[in-house]
Protein backbone atom coordinates (compact mmCIF):
# COMPACT_ATOMS: atom_id res chain seq x y z
CA UNK A 1 -20.59 -22.09 5.08
CA UNK A 2 -22.24 -24.97 3.48
CA UNK A 3 -24.88 -23.78 0.47
CA UNK A 4 -28.24 -24.78 2.02
CA UNK A 5 -30.37 -23.36 -0.78
CA UNK A 6 -32.81 -26.05 -2.51
CA UNK A 7 -32.67 -25.74 -6.11
CA UNK A 8 -36.57 -27.22 -6.54
CA UNK A 9 -36.18 -27.58 -10.23
CA UNK A 10 -33.12 -30.07 -10.19
CA UNK A 11 -33.49 -31.44 -6.48
CA UNK A 12 -33.79 -35.39 -6.87
CA UNK A 13 -35.21 -35.39 -3.63
CA UNK A 14 -33.06 -37.60 -2.39
CA UNK A 15 -33.70 -40.25 -5.39
CA UNK A 16 -30.77 -42.03 -6.68
CA UNK A 17 -30.40 -41.25 -10.65
CA UNK A 18 -31.00 -44.31 -12.99
CA UNK A 19 -29.07 -44.55 -15.83
CA UNK A 20 -30.89 -43.72 -18.86
CA UNK A 21 -31.64 -47.02 -21.25
CA UNK A 22 -30.38 -46.14 -25.59
CA UNK A 23 -33.69 -46.53 -27.22
CA UNK A 24 -32.98 -48.60 -30.46
CA UNK A 25 -34.28 -47.06 -33.68
CA UNK A 26 -37.47 -48.60 -35.02
CA UNK A 27 -36.33 -51.08 -37.92
CA UNK A 28 -38.49 -48.84 -40.34
CA UNK A 29 -37.16 -45.65 -38.90
CA UNK A 30 -33.56 -47.22 -40.04
CA UNK A 31 -35.17 -48.40 -43.40
CA UNK A 32 -36.34 -44.90 -44.30
CA UNK A 33 -32.83 -43.06 -43.33
CA UNK A 34 -31.10 -45.68 -45.57
CA UNK A 35 -33.38 -45.09 -48.29
CA UNK A 36 -32.69 -41.48 -47.72
CA UNK A 37 -29.13 -41.67 -47.99
CA UNK A 38 -29.75 -43.84 -51.28
CA UNK A 39 -31.83 -41.63 -53.17
CA UNK A 40 -29.49 -38.33 -51.95
CA UNK A 41 -26.59 -40.17 -53.54
CA UNK A 42 -28.50 -41.23 -56.52
CA UNK A 43 -29.68 -37.59 -56.98
CA UNK A 44 -26.37 -36.07 -56.87
CA UNK A 45 -25.00 -39.34 -59.71
CA UNK A 46 -28.20 -38.36 -61.82
CA UNK A 47 -27.75 -34.04 -61.72
CA UNK A 48 -23.81 -35.30 -62.54
CA UNK A 49 -24.18 -37.65 -65.42
CA UNK A 50 -27.83 -38.88 -65.82
CA UNK A 51 -26.97 -42.56 -64.26
CA UNK A 52 -27.96 -42.04 -60.85
CA UNK A 53 -31.81 -43.08 -61.92
CA UNK A 54 -30.77 -46.58 -62.94
CA UNK A 55 -29.01 -47.08 -59.82
CA UNK A 56 -32.28 -46.38 -58.10
CA UNK A 57 -33.97 -48.58 -60.72
CA UNK A 58 -31.55 -51.62 -60.15
CA UNK A 59 -31.72 -51.27 -56.90
CA UNK A 60 -35.18 -51.79 -56.70
CA UNK A 61 -35.60 -54.62 -59.71
CA UNK A 62 -33.26 -57.36 -58.44
CA UNK A 63 -33.66 -59.52 -55.38
CA UNK A 64 -31.01 -59.00 -52.99
CA UNK A 65 -29.33 -62.40 -54.02
CA UNK A 66 -28.94 -60.67 -57.72
CA UNK A 67 -27.05 -57.94 -56.02
CA UNK A 68 -24.69 -59.49 -53.54
CA UNK A 69 -23.66 -62.62 -56.16
CA UNK A 70 -25.03 -61.83 -59.39
CA UNK A 71 -26.42 -65.45 -59.58
CA UNK A 72 -29.42 -64.41 -61.87
CA UNK A 73 -29.03 -66.52 -64.96
CA UNK A 74 -30.24 -68.19 -68.12
CA UNK A 75 -29.51 -71.92 -69.22
CA UNK A 76 -29.88 -73.14 -72.76
CA UNK A 77 -28.09 -75.33 -74.96
CA UNK A 78 -24.90 -74.91 -76.73
CA UNK A 79 -25.15 -74.17 -80.53
CA UNK A 80 -22.36 -72.79 -82.59
CA UNK A 81 -25.68 -71.08 -84.37
CA UNK A 82 -27.20 -69.06 -81.48
CA UNK A 83 -28.18 -65.73 -81.55
CA UNK A 84 -29.57 -63.59 -78.57
CA UNK A 85 -31.32 -60.42 -77.69
CA UNK A 86 -32.60 -58.88 -74.48
CA UNK A 87 -36.30 -57.86 -74.04
CA UNK A 88 -36.06 -56.19 -70.63
CA UNK A 89 -35.55 -59.06 -68.23
CA UNK A 90 -36.34 -61.68 -70.80
CA UNK A 91 -33.96 -63.25 -73.25
CA UNK A 92 -34.39 -64.12 -76.51
CA UNK A 93 -32.22 -67.38 -77.83
CA UNK A 94 -32.45 -68.36 -81.41
CA UNK A 95 -30.57 -71.44 -83.10
CA UNK A 96 -31.31 -73.01 -86.34
CA UNK A 97 -33.31 -75.63 -84.22
CA UNK A 98 -35.30 -73.80 -81.64
CA UNK A 99 -36.36 -70.57 -80.36
CA UNK A 100 -36.88 -69.80 -76.64
CA UNK A 101 -37.98 -67.08 -74.31
CA UNK A 102 -35.98 -67.52 -70.83
CA UNK A 103 -37.32 -65.21 -67.77
CA UNK A 104 -35.54 -63.22 -65.22
CA UNK A 105 -35.44 -66.70 -63.08
CA UNK A 106 -34.07 -68.43 -65.77
CA UNK A 107 -37.53 -70.23 -66.68
CA UNK A 108 -38.88 -70.98 -69.67
CA UNK A 109 -41.53 -68.89 -71.07
CA UNK A 110 -42.17 -69.79 -74.22
CA UNK A 111 -40.18 -71.92 -76.82
CA UNK A 112 -40.95 -73.59 -80.24
CA UNK A 113 -38.89 -75.76 -82.35
CA UNK A 114 -37.70 -73.95 -85.70
CA UNK A 115 -35.80 -75.00 -88.90
CA UNK A 116 -33.33 -71.93 -90.12
CA UNK A 117 -30.24 -72.13 -92.02
CA UNK A 118 -29.19 -68.70 -91.24
CA UNK A 119 -31.16 -67.31 -88.12
CA UNK A 120 -31.08 -63.78 -87.32
CA UNK A 121 -32.65 -61.59 -84.48
CA UNK A 122 -33.54 -57.72 -84.62
CA UNK A 123 -35.59 -55.73 -81.35
CA UNK A 124 -37.56 -52.62 -81.19
CA UNK A 125 -40.63 -51.59 -79.76
CA UNK A 126 -40.17 -53.85 -77.12
CA UNK A 127 -40.58 -56.69 -79.33
CA UNK A 128 -38.01 -59.47 -80.82
CA UNK A 129 -38.56 -60.76 -84.60
CA UNK A 130 -36.48 -63.83 -85.76
CA UNK A 131 -36.22 -65.01 -88.80
CA UNK A 132 -34.37 -67.28 -91.52
CA UNK A 133 -32.05 -64.91 -94.02
CA UNK A 134 -32.85 -66.71 -97.11
CA UNK A 135 -35.83 -69.06 -95.81
CA UNK A 136 -39.48 -68.96 -94.92
CA UNK A 137 -40.21 -68.45 -90.98
CA UNK A 138 -40.40 -65.33 -89.13
CA UNK A 139 -41.68 -64.89 -85.68
CA UNK A 140 -42.39 -61.83 -83.62
CA UNK A 141 -42.27 -62.41 -79.87
CA UNK A 142 -42.50 -59.83 -76.96
CA UNK A 143 -41.21 -60.82 -73.40
CA UNK A 144 -44.44 -62.67 -73.15
CA UNK A 145 -44.23 -65.09 -76.05
CA UNK A 146 -45.18 -64.97 -79.42
CA UNK A 147 -47.35 -62.25 -81.34
CA UNK A 148 -47.32 -63.52 -84.74
CA UNK A 149 -45.50 -65.30 -87.35
CA UNK A 150 -45.13 -64.69 -91.25
CA UNK A 151 -44.55 -67.88 -93.89
CA UNK A 152 -42.92 -67.05 -97.05
CA UNK A 153 -43.53 -68.73 -100.08
CA UNK A 154 -40.33 -71.30 -101.39
CA UNK A 155 -39.59 -68.74 -104.09
CA UNK A 156 -39.97 -64.97 -102.19
CA UNK A 157 -37.83 -66.18 -99.00
CA UNK A 158 -37.43 -63.66 -96.48
CA UNK A 159 -33.94 -61.33 -96.91
CA UNK A 160 -34.31 -58.95 -93.78
CA UNK A 161 -36.78 -57.52 -91.02
CA UNK A 162 -36.63 -54.81 -88.53
CA UNK A 163 -38.63 -52.93 -85.87
CA UNK A 164 -38.69 -49.29 -85.09
CA UNK A 165 -39.08 -48.30 -81.47
CA UNK A 166 -42.90 -48.47 -81.74
CA UNK A 167 -43.17 -51.64 -82.79
CA UNK A 168 -43.97 -51.36 -86.65
CA UNK A 169 -41.82 -53.80 -89.08
CA UNK A 170 -40.32 -53.71 -92.10
CA UNK A 171 -39.83 -57.01 -93.74
CA UNK A 172 -37.66 -57.08 -97.33
CA UNK A 173 -37.84 -60.08 -99.19
CA UNK A 174 -37.29 -61.45 -102.33
CA UNK A 175 -40.01 -61.30 -105.22
CA UNK A 176 -41.30 -63.32 -108.34
CA UNK A 177 -40.79 -61.12 -111.28
CA UNK A 178 -39.19 -58.83 -109.60
CA UNK A 179 -35.67 -57.79 -107.55
CA UNK A 180 -37.23 -57.60 -104.17
CA UNK A 181 -40.28 -56.31 -102.29
CA UNK A 182 -40.81 -54.72 -99.16
CA UNK A 183 -43.92 -54.98 -96.59
CA UNK A 184 -44.67 -52.64 -93.60
CA UNK A 185 -46.57 -53.77 -90.95
CA UNK A 186 -47.86 -51.85 -87.78
CA UNK A 187 -48.03 -52.15 -83.99
CA UNK A 188 -50.96 -54.84 -84.55
CA UNK A 189 -48.91 -56.82 -87.36
CA UNK A 190 -51.77 -55.51 -90.18
CA UNK A 191 -49.92 -54.93 -93.63
CA UNK A 192 -50.58 -51.43 -94.34
CA UNK A 193 -48.00 -50.60 -97.10
CA UNK A 194 -45.67 -52.46 -99.86
CA UNK A 195 -43.74 -52.09 -102.81
CA UNK A 196 -42.09 -53.99 -105.28
CA UNK A 197 -38.82 -53.24 -106.69
CA UNK A 198 -38.19 -53.90 -110.89
CA UNK A 199 -35.01 -52.28 -110.80
CA UNK A 200 -32.69 -53.04 -108.15
CA UNK A 201 -32.28 -55.72 -105.33
CA UNK A 202 -32.91 -54.39 -102.03
CA UNK A 203 -30.80 -55.20 -98.94
CA UNK A 204 -32.33 -53.93 -96.06
CA UNK A 205 -35.34 -51.44 -94.88
CA UNK A 206 -36.76 -49.61 -91.44
CA UNK A 207 -39.74 -47.97 -90.63
CA UNK A 208 -39.07 -44.35 -89.18
CA UNK A 209 -39.90 -43.72 -85.25
CA UNK A 210 -42.86 -41.50 -86.47
CA UNK A 211 -44.35 -44.44 -88.31
CA UNK A 212 -44.81 -42.02 -91.26
CA UNK A 213 -41.87 -43.21 -93.55
CA UNK A 214 -40.16 -46.08 -94.65
CA UNK A 215 -36.58 -46.26 -95.90
CA UNK A 216 -35.11 -49.24 -98.11
CA UNK A 217 -31.66 -49.87 -99.13
CA UNK A 218 -31.24 -50.69 -102.83
CA UNK A 219 -28.02 -51.86 -104.77
CA UNK A 220 -26.49 -51.25 -107.74
CA UNK A 221 -23.89 -49.43 -109.89
CA UNK A 222 -23.51 -45.98 -111.62
CA UNK A 223 -20.76 -45.14 -113.96
CA UNK A 224 -18.44 -48.49 -112.92
CA UNK A 225 -18.90 -47.46 -109.13
CA UNK A 226 -20.71 -49.59 -106.44
CA UNK A 227 -23.62 -47.40 -105.16
CA UNK A 228 -26.01 -48.42 -102.36
CA UNK A 229 -29.04 -45.70 -102.56
CA UNK A 230 -31.44 -45.18 -100.12
CA UNK A 231 -35.12 -44.51 -101.17
CA UNK A 232 -37.58 -42.78 -99.28
CA UNK A 233 -41.60 -43.80 -99.12
CA UNK A 234 -44.19 -41.67 -97.46
CA UNK A 235 -46.81 -44.57 -96.34
CA UNK A 236 -49.33 -42.89 -97.64
CA UNK A 237 -48.38 -43.09 -100.97
CA UNK A 238 -47.19 -45.63 -103.61
CA UNK A 239 -44.51 -43.62 -105.26
CA UNK A 240 -41.40 -42.52 -103.59
CA UNK A 241 -40.62 -39.03 -101.78
CA UNK A 242 -36.80 -38.76 -101.84
CA UNK A 243 -33.64 -40.49 -102.25
CA UNK A 244 -30.10 -40.12 -100.99
CA UNK A 245 -26.79 -42.28 -102.31
CA UNK A 246 -24.08 -44.00 -100.27
CA UNK A 247 -21.20 -43.97 -102.86
CA UNK A 248 -18.48 -46.46 -102.75
CA UNK A 249 -19.38 -48.48 -99.99
CA UNK A 250 -21.80 -51.48 -99.20
CA UNK A 251 -24.62 -50.70 -96.32
CA UNK A 252 -24.82 -53.40 -94.10
CA UNK A 253 -27.55 -51.61 -91.85
CA UNK A 254 -30.03 -49.10 -91.60
CA UNK A 255 -31.76 -47.18 -88.54
CA UNK A 256 -32.99 -44.36 -87.17
CA UNK A 257 -31.62 -42.37 -83.83
CA UNK A 258 -33.40 -39.41 -83.00
CA UNK A 259 -35.58 -38.79 -86.09
CA UNK A 260 -31.92 -39.01 -88.57
CA UNK A 261 -31.47 -41.93 -90.70
CA UNK A 262 -28.17 -43.68 -90.22
CA UNK A 263 -26.55 -46.23 -92.80
CA UNK A 264 -23.42 -48.17 -91.50
CA UNK A 265 -21.60 -49.28 -94.70
CA UNK A 266 -18.08 -51.20 -95.07
CA UNK A 267 -16.26 -47.32 -95.02
CA UNK A 268 -18.25 -44.48 -93.12
CA UNK A 269 -21.23 -43.71 -91.40
CA UNK A 270 -24.06 -41.75 -92.97
CA UNK A 271 -26.72 -39.39 -91.74
CA UNK A 272 -29.41 -37.93 -93.27
CA UNK A 273 -33.35 -36.96 -93.05
CA UNK A 274 -36.14 -38.24 -94.30
CA UNK A 275 -35.92 -35.76 -97.30
CA UNK A 276 -33.01 -37.48 -98.79
CA UNK A 277 -30.75 -34.47 -97.26
CA UNK A 278 -27.38 -35.83 -95.98
CA UNK A 279 -26.87 -34.34 -92.53
CA UNK A 280 -23.03 -35.70 -92.16
CA UNK A 281 -20.67 -38.22 -92.44
CA UNK A 282 -18.07 -40.45 -90.76
CA UNK A 283 -15.37 -41.86 -92.74
CA UNK A 284 -13.28 -44.30 -91.74
CA UNK A 285 -11.99 -45.70 -95.01
CA UNK A 286 -8.44 -45.77 -93.77
CA UNK A 287 -9.48 -48.43 -90.97
CA UNK A 288 -11.13 -51.63 -90.72
CA UNK A 289 -14.82 -51.72 -88.80
CA UNK A 290 -14.62 -54.85 -86.92
CA UNK A 291 -17.65 -54.07 -84.66
CA UNK A 292 -20.69 -51.34 -84.53
CA UNK A 293 -23.92 -50.81 -82.67
CA UNK A 294 -26.19 -48.19 -83.57
CA UNK A 295 -28.45 -48.69 -80.20
CA UNK A 296 -26.94 -45.74 -78.47
CA UNK A 297 -29.10 -42.58 -77.28
CA UNK A 298 -28.52 -40.30 -80.15
CA UNK A 299 -24.66 -41.90 -81.35
CA UNK A 300 -23.65 -44.97 -82.89
CA UNK A 301 -20.24 -46.79 -81.54
CA UNK A 302 -17.58 -48.38 -83.86
CA UNK A 303 -14.75 -50.82 -83.16
CA UNK A 304 -12.21 -49.73 -85.86
CA UNK A 305 -8.86 -51.49 -86.15
CA UNK A 306 -5.87 -50.39 -87.66
CA UNK A 307 -4.73 -53.75 -89.52
CA UNK A 308 -6.97 -56.47 -90.93
CA UNK A 309 -6.78 -58.43 -87.98
CA UNK A 310 -5.14 -57.74 -84.65
CA UNK A 311 -5.77 -56.10 -81.33
CA UNK A 312 -4.81 -52.62 -82.10
CA UNK A 313 -7.48 -50.61 -82.65
CA UNK A 314 -10.10 -47.59 -81.00
CA UNK A 315 -13.45 -47.26 -80.18
CA UNK A 316 -15.46 -44.20 -81.20
CA UNK A 317 -18.53 -42.84 -80.50
CA UNK A 318 -20.10 -40.59 -83.46
CA UNK A 319 -23.19 -38.05 -82.92
CA UNK A 320 -25.83 -37.89 -85.51
CA UNK A 321 -24.54 -34.87 -87.19
CA UNK A 322 -21.19 -37.12 -88.15
CA UNK A 323 -19.32 -35.66 -85.39
CA UNK A 324 -16.97 -37.91 -83.40
CA UNK A 325 -17.88 -37.63 -79.95
CA UNK A 326 -15.16 -39.45 -78.00
CA UNK A 327 -12.39 -41.98 -78.83
CA UNK A 328 -10.38 -44.43 -77.17
CA UNK A 329 -7.56 -46.73 -77.71
CA UNK A 330 -7.69 -50.05 -77.63
CA UNK A 331 -4.64 -52.62 -77.20
CA UNK A 332 -6.29 -55.65 -76.19
CA UNK A 333 -8.86 -58.05 -78.24
CA UNK A 334 -12.61 -57.18 -78.26
CA UNK A 335 -14.99 -60.05 -78.62
CA UNK A 336 -18.54 -57.94 -78.58
CA UNK A 337 -19.50 -54.52 -78.66
CA UNK A 338 -23.52 -53.90 -77.28
CA UNK A 339 -25.04 -49.90 -77.09
CA UNK A 340 -28.39 -49.17 -75.70
CA UNK A 341 -29.25 -45.67 -74.13
CA UNK A 342 -26.40 -44.11 -72.34
CA UNK A 343 -24.35 -47.59 -71.77
CA UNK A 344 -21.73 -49.12 -73.86
CA UNK A 345 -20.68 -53.16 -72.75
CA UNK A 346 -17.47 -53.76 -74.42
CA UNK A 347 -16.32 -57.54 -73.62
CA UNK A 348 -12.57 -57.97 -74.13
CA UNK A 349 -10.72 -61.54 -73.30
CA UNK A 350 -10.97 -61.43 -69.66
CA UNK A 351 -13.12 -58.42 -68.53
CA UNK A 352 -16.47 -56.62 -69.46
CA UNK A 353 -16.30 -52.54 -69.35
CA UNK A 354 -19.44 -50.39 -69.29
CA UNK A 355 -18.55 -47.21 -70.89
CA UNK A 356 -20.66 -44.04 -71.80
CA UNK A 357 -21.11 -42.24 -74.72
CA UNK A 358 -17.99 -40.00 -73.76
CA UNK A 359 -16.14 -43.48 -73.47
CA UNK A 360 -15.48 -43.11 -69.81
CA UNK A 361 -15.90 -46.26 -67.64
CA UNK A 362 -19.11 -46.83 -65.81
CA UNK A 363 -17.97 -50.21 -64.41
CA UNK A 364 -15.49 -52.92 -64.71
CA UNK A 365 -16.06 -56.91 -64.35
CA UNK A 366 -12.79 -59.12 -64.30
CA UNK A 367 -12.70 -62.81 -65.15
CA UNK A 368 -15.04 -62.69 -67.57
CA UNK A 369 -12.70 -65.51 -69.85
CA UNK A 370 -16.16 -67.76 -70.04
CA UNK A 371 -17.96 -65.30 -71.76
CA UNK A 372 -17.77 -64.56 -75.97
CA UNK A 373 -20.81 -61.84 -75.73
CA UNK A 374 -22.07 -59.28 -73.83
CA UNK A 375 -25.44 -57.45 -74.11
CA UNK A 376 -25.80 -54.39 -72.09
CA UNK A 377 -29.36 -53.29 -70.98
CA UNK A 378 -31.13 -49.92 -70.56
CA UNK A 379 -30.48 -49.77 -66.89
CA UNK A 380 -26.73 -50.39 -66.99
CA UNK A 381 -26.92 -54.45 -66.09
CA UNK A 382 -25.10 -56.46 -68.57
CA UNK A 383 -26.07 -60.22 -69.70
CA UNK A 384 -22.50 -61.88 -70.03
CA UNK A 385 -23.29 -65.02 -72.78
CA UNK A 386 -21.08 -67.92 -72.65
CA UNK A 387 -21.78 -71.24 -74.35
CA UNK A 388 -24.26 -72.71 -72.21
CA UNK A 389 -25.96 -69.92 -70.17
CA UNK A 390 -25.87 -66.03 -69.19
CA UNK A 391 -25.03 -64.33 -66.33
CA UNK A 392 -26.00 -60.76 -65.17
CA UNK A 393 -23.64 -58.22 -64.06
CA UNK A 394 -24.98 -55.55 -61.86
CA UNK A 395 -22.70 -52.43 -61.77
């Protein structure tokens, strides 16, 4: 017997049901779903190793063309004297005849003709200082152009210049009737301190990141042994407040990391506080120092070779207590090493590898035989420097 009961809720009243159309998601909804997925990946990565937020920075900072092709570039004249530095998205190019700032799109932001025998570049606090070692010209730049310039007297040429993370500058120069002098300029580039060294030559100097002390490297001998002595000045006093010695080595660089003074010599790293107390050392007397960079966040990176020439060596990261953080054997030629924040760019003969401080590979690019230098940036991207152009690598 047929069921004649009617379901008033489901009865179609004799009408034929039409197939339902699939509704497309609005474009803006798709965008937010994609963004949510990206954010989820970023947060997981950020929790794991701190690099996830840099992924997000790169995602929003660069155009679609740059992300897909890596074609963002900077063009300049080839010169054996070229020196390079990165100020965010701006590239500083210094040669013995010109100083240029190039913007992210390759446009020239600022330029000047210079005359330098030994051009040198240093960065800090969002600025760069370009100067002639043994010459009379010095320029301070930010990403938009010239901030200030200094001219030395012919008999008192510049020796070195450095910037701290707040833009304070220490300038070392020769001085008549003295071995050398060091002048300190604040972020407004007003001279706030200087001292003349009558007993020893001064090779380099830096202002601590709290802008309270000056650390100057002086050179001399004690008991027939070569000694580099670091002299510390409180910027409110005229007499030194502390000093410490780096024996049996030539100090090539002095800087500061997380409140600790770091000196790089030909045979060891030395770490000290502003009271002159040595906190640690990392000795590499049995190796040859080929490359180094102290721009990392709480670590220095070294390339140490087993032999004076050749490509057998190891990369090492060292913490501010003198402890070895990581080591990686290297069996190919290294052209340059660059460290900023949590990233280390190592340019090999035909590849670029961006490492973290544990020397684990973060990103790799093959086919870089055209490049001679790499500059890593705070977000993990890197500039590959060739003879006449630089190209951006986005991990």
